[in-house]
Amino acid sequence: MDIVLKYFSDFTDTQLQQMQQLEALYKDWNEKINVISRKDIDSLYERHVLHSLAIAALCTFDNGAQVVDIGTGGGFPGIPLAIMFPEVEFLLSDSIGKKIKVVQGVADAIGLKNVTAMHSRVEEIKGRTFDFAVSRAVAPLGDLWRWVNPMLRKGQKSEELPNGLICLKGGDLAEEIKQSGLKPTAWSVHDIFPEPSFETKYVVYVKK
């Protein structure tokens, strides 16, 4: 938890309490349903929570904004972002039911009222529109954009960025970006949080 507090200090008591509960909850759930690799669970706050919050460091969602987390897995980046932005509505979707069970369990345990967990492939989310889509290492950029573009609405529900897709990516992105045919903006996570584990991690943004 100290690593999160190194970069974010303006939590309310509720937010602080929610953040502090994550480690024990994920360790408990991981014993039953393996959603986080064994080597990563001990670095939960750095590799999962802080990594997710790289999005929050770049983009402050407006109150009332609606955000969908595509392929949320165990709840990243959605759960840390939902803690950070309690007045923003988050839909966390994943095609694997047991992962959504973990997301729901964690959200319920820490009292997150702004999270809906949905067992669904992104293509199956019908009749909903969102201001932003977020994602972490789920699919190539071109595929992500093809899935989320129809459900994103134009506008700007953030001080810093117009509505769009914000995803966390790793490695050499040149080929992936070229194949996508998109012109995204990319920021180095290591520039935001200079920790060794983020040296090859990026936040990639595509405007709606």
C-alpha atoms as a PDB file:
ATOM      1  CA  MET A   1       0.000   0.000   0.000  1.00  0.00           C
ATOM      2  CA  ASP A   2       2.947   2.338   0.683  1.00  0.00           C
ATOM      3  CA  ILE A   3       3.790   2.408  -3.020  1.00  0.00           C
ATOM      4  CA  VAL A   4       0.317   3.780  -3.829  1.00  0.00           C
ATOM      5  CA  LEU A   5       0.625   6.425  -1.101  1.00  0.00           C
ATOM      6  CA  LYS A   6       3.987   7.438  -2.548  1.00  0.00           C
ATOM      7  CA  TYR A   7       2.143   8.829  -5.601  1.00  0.00           C
ATOM      8  CA  PHE A   8      -1.388   9.534  -4.337  1.00  0.00           C
ATOM      9  CA  SER A   9      -1.985  11.258  -1.028  1.00  0.00           C
ATOM     10  CA  ASP A  10      -5.412  12.852  -1.258  1.00  0.00           C
ATOM     11  CA  PHE A  11      -7.596   9.846  -0.455  1.00  0.00           C
ATOM     12  CA  THR A  12     -10.660  10.214   1.747  1.00  0.00           C
ATOM     13  CA  ASP A  13     -10.865   7.904   4.782  1.00  0.00           C
ATOM     14  CA  THR A  14     -13.276   5.672   2.857  1.00  0.00           C
ATOM     15  CA  GLN A  15     -10.998   5.432  -0.169  1.00  0.00           C
ATOM     16  CA  LEU A  16      -7.999   4.676   2.020  1.00  0.00           C
ATOM     17  CA  GLN A  17      -9.901   1.934   3.816  1.00  0.00           C
ATOM     18  CA  GLN A  18     -11.066   0.432   0.515  1.00  0.00           C
ATOM     19  CA  MET A  19      -7.552   0.442  -0.919  1.00  0.00           C
ATOM     20  CA  GLN A  20      -6.125  -1.134   2.233  1.00  0.00           C
ATOM     21  CA  GLN A  21      -8.625  -4.001   2.099  1.00  0.00           C
ATOM     22  CA  LEU A  22      -7.668  -5.086  -1.408  1.00  0.00           C
ATOM     23  CA  GLU A  23      -4.611  -7.176  -0.543  1.00  0.00           C
ATOM     24  CA  ALA A  24      -6.309  -9.473   1.965  1.00  0.00           C
ATOM     25  CA  LEU A  25      -9.378  -9.838  -0.267  1.00  0.00           C
ATOM     26  CA  TYR A  26      -7.405 -10.723  -3.389  1.00  0.00           C
ATOM     27  CA  LYS A  27      -5.179 -13.144  -1.485  1.00  0.00           C
ATOM     28  CA  ASP A  28      -8.291 -14.847  -0.110  1.00  0.00           C
ATOM     29  CA  TRP A  29     -10.037 -15.013  -3.495  1.00  0.00           C
ATOM     30  CA  ASN A  30      -6.846 -16.167  -5.203  1.00  0.00           C
ATOM     31  CA  GLU A  31      -6.793 -19.265  -2.985  1.00  0.00           C
ATOM     32  CA  LYS A  32     -10.196 -20.223  -4.427  1.00  0.00           C
ATOM     33  CA  ILE A  33     -10.049 -18.814  -7.950  1.00  0.00           C
ATOM     34  CA  ASN A  34      -6.659 -18.020  -9.432  1.00  0.00           C
ATOM     35  CA  VAL A  35      -7.108 -14.559 -10.997  1.00  0.00           C
ATOM     36  CA  ILE A  36      -3.666 -13.120 -10.263  1.00  0.00           C
ATOM     37  CA  SER A  37      -0.417 -14.971 -10.892  1.00  0.00           C
ATOM     38  CA  ARG A  38       1.280 -16.303  -7.776  1.00  0.00           C
ATOM     39  CA  LYS A  39       4.349 -14.122  -8.314  1.00  0.00           C
ATOM     40  CA  ASP A  40       2.251 -10.983  -8.720  1.00  0.00           C
ATOM     41  CA  ILE A  41      -0.033 -11.371  -5.714  1.00  0.00           C
ATOM     42  CA  ASP A  42       2.767 -10.267  -3.359  1.00  0.00           C
ATOM     43  CA  SER A  43       3.263  -7.126  -5.466  1.00  0.00           C
ATOM     44  CA  LEU A  44      -0.469  -6.452  -5.793  1.00  0.00           C
ATOM     45  CA  TYR A  45      -0.258  -2.750  -4.976  1.00  0.00           C
ATOM     46  CA  GLU A  46       2.532  -2.048  -7.429  1.00  0.00           C
ATOM     47  CA  ARG A  47       1.781  -4.374 -10.343  1.00  0.00           C
ATOM     48  CA  HIS A  48      -1.998  -4.167 -10.277  1.00  0.00           C
ATOM     49  CA  VAL A  49      -3.322  -1.262  -8.214  1.00  0.00           C
ATOM     50  CA  LEU A  50      -0.702   1.389  -9.023  1.00  0.00           C
ATOM     51  CA  HIS A  51      -0.479   0.186 -12.625  1.00  0.00           C
ATOM     52  CA  SER A  52      -4.261   0.676 -12.947  1.00  0.00           C
ATOM     53  CA  LEU A  53      -3.986   4.131 -11.416  1.00  0.00           C
ATOM     54  CA  ALA A  54      -1.652   5.290 -14.203  1.00  0.00           C
ATOM     55  CA  ILE A  55      -4.942   6.023 -15.982  1.00  0.00           C
ATOM     56  CA  ALA A  56      -6.087   8.199 -13.060  1.00  0.00           C
ATOM     57  CA  ALA A  57      -2.764  10.060 -13.136  1.00  0.00           C
ATOM     58  CA  LEU A  58      -3.466  11.121 -16.729  1.00  0.00           C
ATOM     59  CA  CYS A  59      -7.241  11.419 -16.784  1.00  0.00           C
ATOM     60  CA  THR A  60      -9.624  12.664 -14.092  1.00  0.00           C
ATOM     61  CA  PHE A  61     -13.081  11.370 -14.949  1.00  0.00           C
ATOM     62  CA  ASP A  62     -15.878  13.885 -14.343  1.00  0.00           C
ATOM     63  CA  ASN A  63     -18.578  13.092 -11.804  1.00  0.00           C
ATOM     64  CA  GLY A  64     -21.380  11.293 -13.607  1.00  0.00           C
ATOM     65  CA  ALA A  65     -19.133   9.876 -16.330  1.00  0.00           C
ATOM     66  CA  GLN A  66     -19.744   6.289 -17.433  1.00  0.00           C
ATOM     67  CA  VAL A  67     -16.790   3.969 -17.974  1.00  0.00           C
ATOM     68  CA  VAL A  68     -16.658   0.378 -19.248  1.00  0.00           C
ATOM     69  CA  ASP A  69     -13.720  -1.898 -18.353  1.00  0.00           C
ATOM     70  CA  ILE A  70     -13.264  -4.439 -21.134  1.00  0.00           C
ATOM     71  CA  GLY A  71     -11.948  -7.856 -20.079  1.00  0.00           C
ATOM     72  CA  THR A  72     -11.508  -6.734 -16.498  1.00  0.00           C
ATOM     73  CA  GLY A  73     -10.125 -10.075 -15.272  1.00  0.00           C
ATOM     74  CA  GLY A  74     -10.022  -9.822 -11.483  1.00  0.00           C
ATOM     75  CA  GLY A  75     -11.041  -6.162 -11.625  1.00  0.00           C
ATOM     76  CA  PHE A  76      -8.129  -4.226 -13.120  1.00  0.00           C
ATOM     77  CA  PRO A  77      -8.021  -1.394 -13.928  1.00  0.00           C
ATOM     78  CA  GLY A  78     -11.708  -1.012 -12.981  1.00  0.00           C
ATOM     79  CA  ILE A  79     -11.708  -1.549  -9.219  1.00  0.00           C
ATOM     80  CA  PRO A  80      -8.828   0.835  -8.337  1.00  0.00           C
ATOM     81  CA  LEU A  81     -10.360   3.439 -10.689  1.00  0.00           C
ATOM     82  CA  ALA A  82     -13.805   2.993  -9.114  1.00  0.00           C
ATOM     83  CA  ILE A  83     -12.273   3.603  -5.677  1.00  0.00           C
ATOM     84  CA  MET A  84     -10.526   6.693  -7.024  1.00  0.00           C
ATOM     85  CA  PHE A  85     -13.669   8.100  -8.689  1.00  0.00           C
ATOM     86  CA  PRO A  86     -16.658   7.257  -6.449  1.00  0.00           C
ATOM     87  CA  GLU A  87     -19.012   9.523  -8.439  1.00  0.00           C
ATOM     88  CA  VAL A  88     -18.267   7.761 -11.739  1.00  0.00           C
ATOM     89  CA  GLU A  89     -20.245   4.713 -12.894  1.00  0.00           C
ATOM     90  CA  PHE A  90     -18.177   1.675 -13.893  1.00  0.00           C
ATOM     91  CA  LEU A  91     -19.270  -1.435 -15.781  1.00  0.00           C
ATOM     92  CA  LEU A  92     -16.669  -4.197 -15.426  1.00  0.00           C
ATOM     93  CA  SER A  93     -17.135  -6.946 -18.010  1.00  0.00           C
ATOM     94  CA  ASP A  94     -15.361 -10.220 -18.627  1.00  0.00           C
ATOM     95  CA  SER A  95     -16.241 -13.322 -20.642  1.00  0.00           C
ATOM     96  CA  ILE A  96     -15.030 -15.622 -17.826  1.00  0.00           C
ATOM     97  CA  GLY A  97     -17.683 -16.051 -15.152  1.00  0.00           C
ATOM     98  CA  LYS A  98     -15.387 -16.981 -12.262  1.00  0.00           C
ATOM     99  CA  LYS A  99     -13.396 -13.766 -12.731  1.00  0.00           C
ATOM    100  CA  ILE A 100     -16.591 -11.712 -12.541  1.00  0.00           C
ATOM    101  CA  LYS A 101     -17.457 -13.590  -9.343  1.00  0.00           C
ATOM    102  CA  VAL A 102     -14.200 -12.280  -7.837  1.00  0.00           C
ATOM    103  CA  VAL A 103     -14.899  -8.734  -9.066  1.00  0.00           C
ATOM    104  CA  GLN A 104     -18.379  -8.803  -7.516  1.00  0.00           C
ATOM    105  CA  GLY A 105     -17.037 -10.291  -4.289  1.00  0.00           C
ATOM    106  CA  VAL A 106     -14.331  -7.634  -3.916  1.00  0.00           C
ATOM    107  CA  ALA A 107     -16.681  -4.760  -4.840  1.00  0.00           C
ATOM    108  CA  ASP A 108     -19.283  -5.964  -2.311  1.00  0.00           C
ATOM    109  CA  ALA A 109     -16.703  -6.499   0.447  1.00  0.00           C
ATOM    110  CA  ILE A 110     -15.325  -2.950   0.217  1.00  0.00           C
ATOM    111  CA  GLY A 111     -18.720  -1.330  -0.382  1.00  0.00           C
ATOM    112  CA  LEU A 112     -18.150  -0.069  -3.931  1.00  0.00           C
ATOM    113  CA  LYS A 113     -21.565   1.245  -4.964  1.00  0.00           C
ATOM    114  CA  ASN A 114     -20.444   2.522  -8.382  1.00  0.00           C
ATOM    115  CA  VAL A 115     -19.444  -0.849  -9.887  1.00  0.00           C
ATOM    116  CA  THR A 116     -21.588  -3.232 -11.930  1.00  0.00           C
ATOM    117  CA  ALA A 117     -19.953  -6.564 -12.775  1.00  0.00           C
ATOM    118  CA  MET A 118     -21.128  -8.272 -15.958  1.00  0.00           C
ATOM    119  CA  HIS A 119     -20.335 -11.741 -17.274  1.00  0.00           C
ATOM    120  CA  SER A 120     -20.268 -10.860 -20.949  1.00  0.00           C
ATOM    121  CA  ARG A 121     -18.083 -10.550 -23.996  1.00  0.00           C
ATOM    122  CA  VAL A 122     -17.667  -6.925 -24.991  1.00  0.00           C
ATOM    123  CA  GLU A 123     -19.460  -7.500 -28.305  1.00  0.00           C
ATOM    124  CA  GLU A 124     -22.534  -8.652 -26.369  1.00  0.00           C
ATOM    125  CA  ILE A 125     -23.002  -5.418 -24.419  1.00  0.00           C
ATOM    126  CA  LYS A 126     -26.024  -3.963 -26.168  1.00  0.00           C
ATOM    127  CA  GLY A 127     -28.003  -0.774 -25.722  1.00  0.00           C
ATOM    128  CA  ARG A 128     -25.396   0.955 -23.552  1.00  0.00           C
ATOM    129  CA  THR A 129     -23.115   3.876 -24.325  1.00  0.00           C
ATOM    130  CA  PHE A 130     -20.120   5.090 -22.371  1.00  0.00           C
ATOM    131  CA  ASP A 131     -17.833   8.097 -22.173  1.00  0.00           C
ATOM    132  CA  PHE A 132     -14.657   6.048 -21.791  1.00  0.00           C
ATOM    133  CA  ALA A 133     -13.539   2.458 -22.230  1.00  0.00           C
ATOM    134  CA  VAL A 134     -10.552   1.217 -20.230  1.00  0.00           C
ATOM    135  CA  SER A 135      -8.655  -2.026 -20.589  1.00  0.00           C
ATOM    136  CA  ARG A 136      -5.469  -3.791 -19.581  1.00  0.00           C
ATOM    137  CA  ALA A 137      -3.559  -6.148 -21.893  1.00  0.00           C
ATOM    138  CA  VAL A 138      -6.696  -7.790 -23.255  1.00  0.00           C
ATOM    139  CA  ALA A 139      -6.345  -7.668 -27.038  1.00  0.00           C
ATOM    140  CA  PRO A 140      -4.515  -5.837 -29.822  1.00  0.00           C
ATOM    141  CA  LEU A 141      -5.350  -2.141 -30.082  1.00  0.00           C
ATOM    142  CA  GLY A 142      -7.171  -2.525 -33.415  1.00  0.00           C
ATOM    143  CA  ASP A 143      -9.502  -5.180 -31.975  1.00  0.00           C
ATOM    144  CA  LEU A 144     -10.170  -3.165 -28.824  1.00  0.00           C
ATOM    145  CA  TRP A 145     -11.072  -0.121 -30.860  1.00  0.00           C
ATOM    146  CA  ARG A 146     -13.355  -2.113 -33.159  1.00  0.00           C
ATOM    147  CA  TRP A 147     -15.229  -3.471 -30.126  1.00  0.00           C
ATOM    148  CA  VAL A 148     -15.579  -0.258 -28.131  1.00  0.00           C
ATOM    149  CA  ASN A 149     -15.920   2.404 -30.811  1.00  0.00           C
ATOM    150  CA  PRO A 150     -19.665   1.756 -31.404  1.00  0.00           C
ATOM    151  CA  MET A 151     -20.465   2.095 -27.690  1.00  0.00           C
ATOM    152  CA  LEU A 152     -18.476   5.277 -27.041  1.00  0.00           C
ATOM    153  CA  ARG A 153     -20.209   8.640 -27.232  1.00  0.00           C
ATOM    154  CA  LYS A 154     -18.514  11.824 -28.359  1.00  0.00           C
ATOM    155  CA  GLY A 155     -17.899  14.537 -25.795  1.00  0.00           C
ATOM    156  CA  GLN A 156     -15.474  15.256 -22.981  1.00  0.00           C
ATOM    157  CA  LYS A 157     -16.243  13.844 -19.535  1.00  0.00           C
ATOM    158  CA  SER A 158     -12.740  14.501 -18.245  1.00  0.00           C
ATOM    159  CA  GLU A 159     -10.757  17.650 -17.641  1.00  0.00           C
ATOM    160  CA  GLU A 160      -7.753  16.343 -19.534  1.00  0.00           C
ATOM    161  CA  LEU A 161      -8.979  14.125 -22.375  1.00  0.00           C
ATOM    162  CA  PRO A 162     -11.957  13.924 -24.747  1.00  0.00           C
ATOM    163  CA  ASN A 163     -13.979  10.699 -24.501  1.00  0.00           C
ATOM    164  CA  GLY A 164     -12.285   7.611 -25.903  1.00  0.00           C
ATOM    165  CA  LEU A 165     -10.380   4.399 -25.192  1.00  0.00           C
ATOM    166  CA  ILE A 166      -7.611   4.321 -22.571  1.00  0.00           C
ATOM    167  CA  CYS A 167      -5.690   1.074 -22.300  1.00  0.00           C
ATOM    168  CA  LEU A 168      -2.652  -0.231 -20.477  1.00  0.00           C
ATOM    169  CA  LYS A 169      -0.169  -1.969 -22.750  1.00  0.00           C
ATOM    170  CA  GLY A 170       3.306  -3.460 -22.509  1.00  0.00           C
ATOM    171  CA  GLY A 171       6.298  -4.069 -24.750  1.00  0.00           C
ATOM    172  CA  ASP A 172       7.117  -2.700 -28.193  1.00  0.00           C
ATOM    173  CA  LEU A 173       3.890  -1.220 -29.518  1.00  0.00           C
ATOM    174  CA  ALA A 174       5.110   0.036 -32.902  1.00  0.00           C
ATOM    175  CA  GLU A 175       3.840  -2.943 -34.927  1.00  0.00           C
ATOM    176  CA  GLU A 176       0.552  -3.170 -33.022  1.00  0.00           C
ATOM    177  CA  ILE A 177      -0.161   0.529 -33.564  1.00  0.00           C
ATOM    178  CA  LYS A 178       0.770   0.271 -37.245  1.00  0.00           C
ATOM    179  CA  GLN A 179      -1.555  -2.701 -37.766  1.00  0.00           C
ATOM    180  CA  SER A 180      -4.410  -0.902 -35.981  1.00  0.00           C
ATOM    181  CA  GLY A 181      -4.396   1.960 -38.489  1.00  0.00           C
ATOM    182  CA  LEU A 182      -5.044   4.307 -35.555  1.00  0.00           C
ATOM    183  CA  LYS A 183      -3.121   7.363 -34.393  1.00  0.00           C
ATOM    184  CA  PRO A 184      -3.124   6.926 -30.621  1.00  0.00           C
ATOM    185  CA  THR A 185      -1.301   8.936 -27.987  1.00  0.00           C
ATOM    186  CA  ALA A 186       0.997   6.883 -25.738  1.00  0.00           C
ATOM    187  CA  TRP A 187       2.600   7.755 -22.404  1.00  0.00           C
ATOM    188  CA  SER A 188       5.256   5.760 -20.591  1.00  0.00           C
ATOM    189  CA  VAL A 189       4.018   4.515 -17.222  1.00  0.00           C
ATOM    190  CA  HIS A 190       7.635   4.671 -16.068  1.00  0.00           C
ATOM    191  CA  ASP A 191       7.563   8.442 -16.649  1.00  0.00           C
ATOM    192  CA  ILE A 192       4.493   8.706 -14.392  1.00  0.00           C
ATOM    193  CA  PHE A 193       5.645   6.232 -11.715  1.00  0.00           C
ATOM    194  CA  PRO A 194       9.429   5.687 -12.008  1.00  0.00           C
ATOM    195  CA  GLU A 195       9.420   2.111 -10.688  1.00  0.00           C
ATOM    196  CA  PRO A 196      11.474  -0.654 -12.381  1.00  0.00           C
ATOM    197  CA  SER A 197       8.416  -2.822 -13.098  1.00  0.00           C
ATOM    198  CA  PHE A 198       6.933  -0.123 -15.358  1.00  0.00           C
ATOM    199  CA  GLU A 199       9.896   0.325 -17.700  1.00  0.00           C
ATOM    200  CA  THR A 200       8.112  -1.270 -20.669  1.00  0.00           C
ATOM    201  CA  LYS A 201       4.521  -0.285 -19.764  1.00  0.00           C
ATOM    202  CA  TYR A 202       2.427   2.321 -21.556  1.00  0.00           C
ATOM    203  CA  VAL A 203      -0.910   4.077 -21.349  1.00  0.00           C
ATOM    204  CA  VAL A 204      -2.406   4.258 -24.845  1.00  0.00           C
ATOM    205  CA  TYR A 205      -5.279   6.604 -25.685  1.00  0.00           C
ATOM    206  CA  VAL A 206      -7.528   6.786 -28.748  1.00  0.00           C
ATOM    207  CA  LYS A 207      -9.947   9.703 -29.034  1.00  0.00           C
ATOM    208  CA  LYS A 208     -13.565   8.948 -29.980  1.00  0.00           C
END
